[in-house]
Amino acid sequence: MISDEQLDAYRISGEKIRVVRDGLESNDVKGIVLAWDESQVMIRRPNKRVVKLDRNYLYQPFSEPRPEADTAE
């Protein structure tokens, strides 16, 4: 699970992140961190829609390469 400190750093910097949900790159969510609680994170996507995602997914900067499918789960 991603830490509060890491989420706060992403929120303050406004850095675009990637949320890897499964092995398919097309299912990744890209956007910026808006808010979070103990179980969910709110991400604003480029189309301005806001989605709530589980904190147990893999959160990484968009600039970093996407991990291989077997390591993302």
N, C-alpha and C. Protein backbone atom coordinates (compact mmCIF):
# COMPACT_ATOMS: atom_id res chain seq x y z
N MET A 1 0.85 -1.18 0.00
CA MET A 1 0.00 0.00 0.00
C MET A 1 0.89 1.24 0.00
N ILE A 2 0.50 2.24 -0.77
CA ILE A 2 1.27 3.48 -0.87
C ILE A 2 1.11 4.29 0.41
N SER A 3 2.19 4.93 0.83
CA SER A 3 2.18 5.67 2.09
C SER A 3 1.54 7.05 1.93
N ASP A 4 1.09 7.60 3.05
CA ASP A 4 0.53 8.95 3.06
C ASP A 4 1.59 9.97 2.62
N GLU A 5 2.84 9.76 3.04
CA GLU A 5 3.91 10.68 2.69
C GLU A 5 4.14 10.71 1.18
N GLN A 6 4.12 9.53 0.54
CA GLN A 6 4.33 9.48 -0.91
C GLN A 6 3.16 10.13 -1.65
N LEU A 7 1.93 9.86 -1.20
CA LEU A 7 0.76 10.49 -1.82
C LEU A 7 0.82 12.01 -1.68
N ASP A 8 1.23 12.48 -0.51
CA ASP A 8 1.32 13.92 -0.28
C ASP A 8 2.38 14.54 -1.18
N ALA A 9 3.49 13.85 -1.38
CA ALA A 9 4.53 14.35 -2.27
C ALA A 9 4.01 14.46 -3.70
N TYR A 10 3.27 13.45 -4.18
CA TYR A 10 2.67 13.50 -5.51
C TYR A 10 1.67 14.65 -5.62
N ARG A 11 0.85 14.85 -4.58
CA ARG A 11 -0.16 15.90 -4.60
C ARG A 11 0.48 17.28 -4.64
N ILE A 12 1.48 17.50 -3.82
CA ILE A 12 2.12 18.81 -3.74
C ILE A 12 2.86 19.14 -5.05
N SER A 13 3.54 18.16 -5.61
CA SER A 13 4.31 18.41 -6.83
C SER A 13 3.42 18.52 -8.07
N GLY A 14 2.23 17.91 -8.02
CA GLY A 14 1.36 17.91 -9.19
C GLY A 14 1.84 16.99 -10.29
N GLU A 15 2.75 16.09 -9.92
CA GLU A 15 3.34 15.18 -10.89
C GLU A 15 2.31 14.19 -11.43
N LYS A 16 2.35 13.94 -12.73
CA LYS A 16 1.46 12.96 -13.34
C LYS A 16 1.93 11.57 -12.93
N ILE A 17 0.98 10.74 -12.50
CA ILE A 17 1.33 9.39 -12.07
C ILE A 17 0.58 8.35 -12.90
N ARG A 18 1.05 7.13 -12.77
CA ARG A 18 0.40 5.97 -13.40
C ARG A 18 -0.02 5.03 -12.28
N VAL A 19 -1.26 4.53 -12.37
CA VAL A 19 -1.75 3.54 -11.42
C VAL A 19 -1.90 2.24 -12.20
N VAL A 20 -1.07 1.26 -11.85
CA VAL A 20 -1.08 -0.03 -12.52
C VAL A 20 -2.05 -0.93 -11.77
N ARG A 21 -3.15 -1.29 -12.45
CA ARG A 21 -4.19 -2.10 -11.79
C ARG A 21 -4.08 -3.58 -12.11
N ASP A 22 -3.53 -3.92 -13.27
CA ASP A 22 -3.38 -5.33 -13.65
C ASP A 22 -2.32 -5.41 -14.73
N GLY A 23 -2.23 -6.52 -15.43
CA GLY A 23 -1.21 -6.74 -16.42
C GLY A 23 -1.40 -6.00 -17.73
N LEU A 24 -2.58 -5.43 -17.98
CA LEU A 24 -2.85 -4.75 -19.23
C LEU A 24 -2.57 -3.25 -19.11
N GLU A 25 -1.71 -2.76 -19.97
CA GLU A 25 -1.37 -1.34 -19.93
C GLU A 25 -2.58 -0.46 -20.22
N SER A 26 -3.51 -0.97 -21.03
CA SER A 26 -4.70 -0.19 -21.36
C SER A 26 -5.61 0.04 -20.14
N ASN A 27 -5.43 -0.72 -19.08
CA ASN A 27 -6.22 -0.55 -17.86
C ASN A 27 -5.57 0.39 -16.84
N ASP A 28 -4.39 0.90 -17.17
CA ASP A 28 -3.72 1.84 -16.26
C ASP A 28 -4.52 3.14 -16.19
N VAL A 29 -4.46 3.79 -15.04
CA VAL A 29 -5.07 5.11 -14.87
C VAL A 29 -3.94 6.11 -14.76
N LYS A 30 -4.01 7.17 -15.55
CA LYS A 30 -2.99 8.21 -15.53
C LYS A 30 -3.64 9.51 -15.07
N GLY A 31 -2.95 10.25 -14.21
CA GLY A 31 -3.50 11.51 -13.74
C GLY A 31 -2.71 12.05 -12.57
N ILE A 32 -3.34 12.97 -11.81
CA ILE A 32 -2.69 13.58 -10.66
C ILE A 32 -3.49 13.25 -9.39
N VAL A 33 -2.79 13.18 -8.27
CA VAL A 33 -3.40 12.86 -6.98
C VAL A 33 -4.14 14.09 -6.46
N LEU A 34 -5.40 13.88 -6.08
CA LEU A 34 -6.19 14.96 -5.48
C LEU A 34 -6.31 14.80 -3.97
N ALA A 35 -6.73 13.61 -3.53
CA ALA A 35 -6.98 13.37 -2.11
C ALA A 35 -6.95 11.86 -1.86
N TRP A 36 -6.98 11.48 -0.58
CA TRP A 36 -6.98 10.07 -0.22
C TRP A 36 -7.49 9.90 1.19
N ASP A 37 -7.87 8.67 1.50
CA ASP A 37 -8.21 8.29 2.87
C ASP A 37 -7.51 6.97 3.14
N GLU A 38 -7.94 6.25 4.18
CA GLU A 38 -7.23 5.03 4.55
C GLU A 38 -7.36 3.90 3.53
N SER A 39 -8.35 3.96 2.63
CA SER A 39 -8.53 2.84 1.69
C SER A 39 -8.57 3.24 0.22
N GLN A 40 -8.75 4.53 -0.10
CA GLN A 40 -8.90 4.94 -1.49
C GLN A 40 -8.10 6.20 -1.80
N VAL A 41 -7.81 6.38 -3.10
CA VAL A 41 -7.11 7.57 -3.59
C VAL A 41 -7.95 8.16 -4.71
N MET A 42 -8.11 9.47 -4.72
CA MET A 42 -8.82 10.15 -5.80
C MET A 42 -7.80 10.69 -6.80
N ILE A 43 -7.98 10.33 -8.06
CA ILE A 43 -7.08 10.73 -9.14
C ILE A 43 -7.87 11.54 -10.16
N ARG A 44 -7.33 12.70 -10.58
CA ARG A 44 -7.95 13.46 -11.67
C ARG A 44 -7.26 13.07 -12.96
N ARG A 45 -8.05 12.52 -13.88
CA ARG A 45 -7.53 12.09 -15.16
C ARG A 45 -7.39 13.30 -16.10
N PRO A 46 -6.66 13.14 -17.22
CA PRO A 46 -6.47 14.27 -18.15
C PRO A 46 -7.78 14.83 -18.70
N ASN A 47 -8.84 14.02 -18.77
CA ASN A 47 -10.13 14.51 -19.28
C ASN A 47 -10.94 15.20 -18.18
N LYS A 48 -10.32 15.49 -17.05
CA LYS A 48 -10.91 16.19 -15.90
C LYS A 48 -11.86 15.34 -15.06
N ARG A 49 -12.05 14.09 -15.41
CA ARG A 49 -12.88 13.20 -14.59
C ARG A 49 -12.07 12.74 -13.38
N VAL A 50 -12.76 12.51 -12.28
CA VAL A 50 -12.12 12.07 -11.05
C VAL A 50 -12.53 10.62 -10.79
N VAL A 51 -11.54 9.79 -10.48
CA VAL A 51 -11.81 8.38 -10.18
C VAL A 51 -11.26 8.05 -8.80
N LYS A 52 -11.93 7.12 -8.12
CA LYS A 52 -11.46 6.63 -6.82
C LYS A 52 -10.86 5.25 -7.04
N LEU A 53 -9.65 5.07 -6.54
CA LEU A 53 -8.95 3.80 -6.72
C LEU A 53 -8.46 3.28 -5.38
N ASP A 54 -8.34 1.97 -5.29
CA ASP A 54 -7.84 1.32 -4.08
C ASP A 54 -6.38 1.68 -3.84
N ARG A 55 -5.98 1.84 -2.61
CA ARG A 55 -4.59 2.19 -2.28
C ARG A 55 -3.63 1.03 -2.48
N ASN A 56 -4.14 -0.18 -2.67
CA ASN A 56 -3.27 -1.35 -2.83
C ASN A 56 -2.72 -1.49 -4.24
N TYR A 57 -3.17 -0.69 -5.20
CA TYR A 57 -2.60 -0.73 -6.54
C TYR A 57 -1.19 -0.15 -6.52
N LEU A 58 -0.47 -0.35 -7.62
CA LEU A 58 0.88 0.19 -7.75
C LEU A 58 0.80 1.63 -8.28
N TYR A 59 1.33 2.59 -7.52
CA TYR A 59 1.36 4.00 -7.90
C TYR A 59 2.80 4.35 -8.22
N GLN A 60 3.03 4.94 -9.41
CA GLN A 60 4.38 5.30 -9.80
C GLN A 60 4.33 6.55 -10.67
N PRO A 61 5.45 7.31 -10.72
CA PRO A 61 5.48 8.47 -11.61
C PRO A 61 5.29 8.02 -13.06
N PHE A 62 4.58 8.81 -13.83
CA PHE A 62 4.33 8.47 -15.23
C PHE A 62 5.62 8.43 -16.03
N SER A 63 6.61 9.20 -15.61
CA SER A 63 7.88 9.27 -16.32
C SER A 63 8.69 7.98 -16.21
N GLU A 64 8.41 7.16 -15.20
CA GLU A 64 9.12 5.89 -15.04
C GLU A 64 8.52 4.84 -15.97
N PRO A 65 9.36 3.90 -16.44
CA PRO A 65 8.82 2.84 -17.30
C PRO A 65 7.85 1.95 -16.52
N ARG A 66 6.85 1.46 -17.23
CA ARG A 66 5.85 0.58 -16.62
C ARG A 66 6.50 -0.76 -16.30
N PRO A 67 6.22 -1.33 -15.10
CA PRO A 67 6.81 -2.63 -14.76
C PRO A 67 6.23 -3.74 -15.63
N GLU A 68 6.93 -4.84 -15.69
CA GLU A 68 6.45 -6.01 -16.43
C GLU A 68 5.18 -6.53 -15.77
N ALA A 69 4.37 -7.24 -16.53
CA ALA A 69 3.06 -7.72 -16.07
C ALA A 69 3.17 -8.62 -14.85
N ASP A 70 4.19 -9.46 -14.78
CA ASP A 70 4.30 -10.40 -13.66
C ASP A 70 4.72 -9.72 -12.36
N THR A 71 5.37 -8.54 -12.42
CA THR A 71 5.78 -7.85 -11.20
C THR A 71 4.74 -6.84 -10.72
N ALA A 72 3.73 -6.54 -11.55
CA ALA A 72 2.73 -5.53 -11.19
C ALA A 72 1.69 -6.06 -10.24
N GLU A 73 1.58 -7.34 -10.11
CA GLU A 73 0.50 -7.89 -9.28
C GLU A 73 0.95 -8.30 -7.92
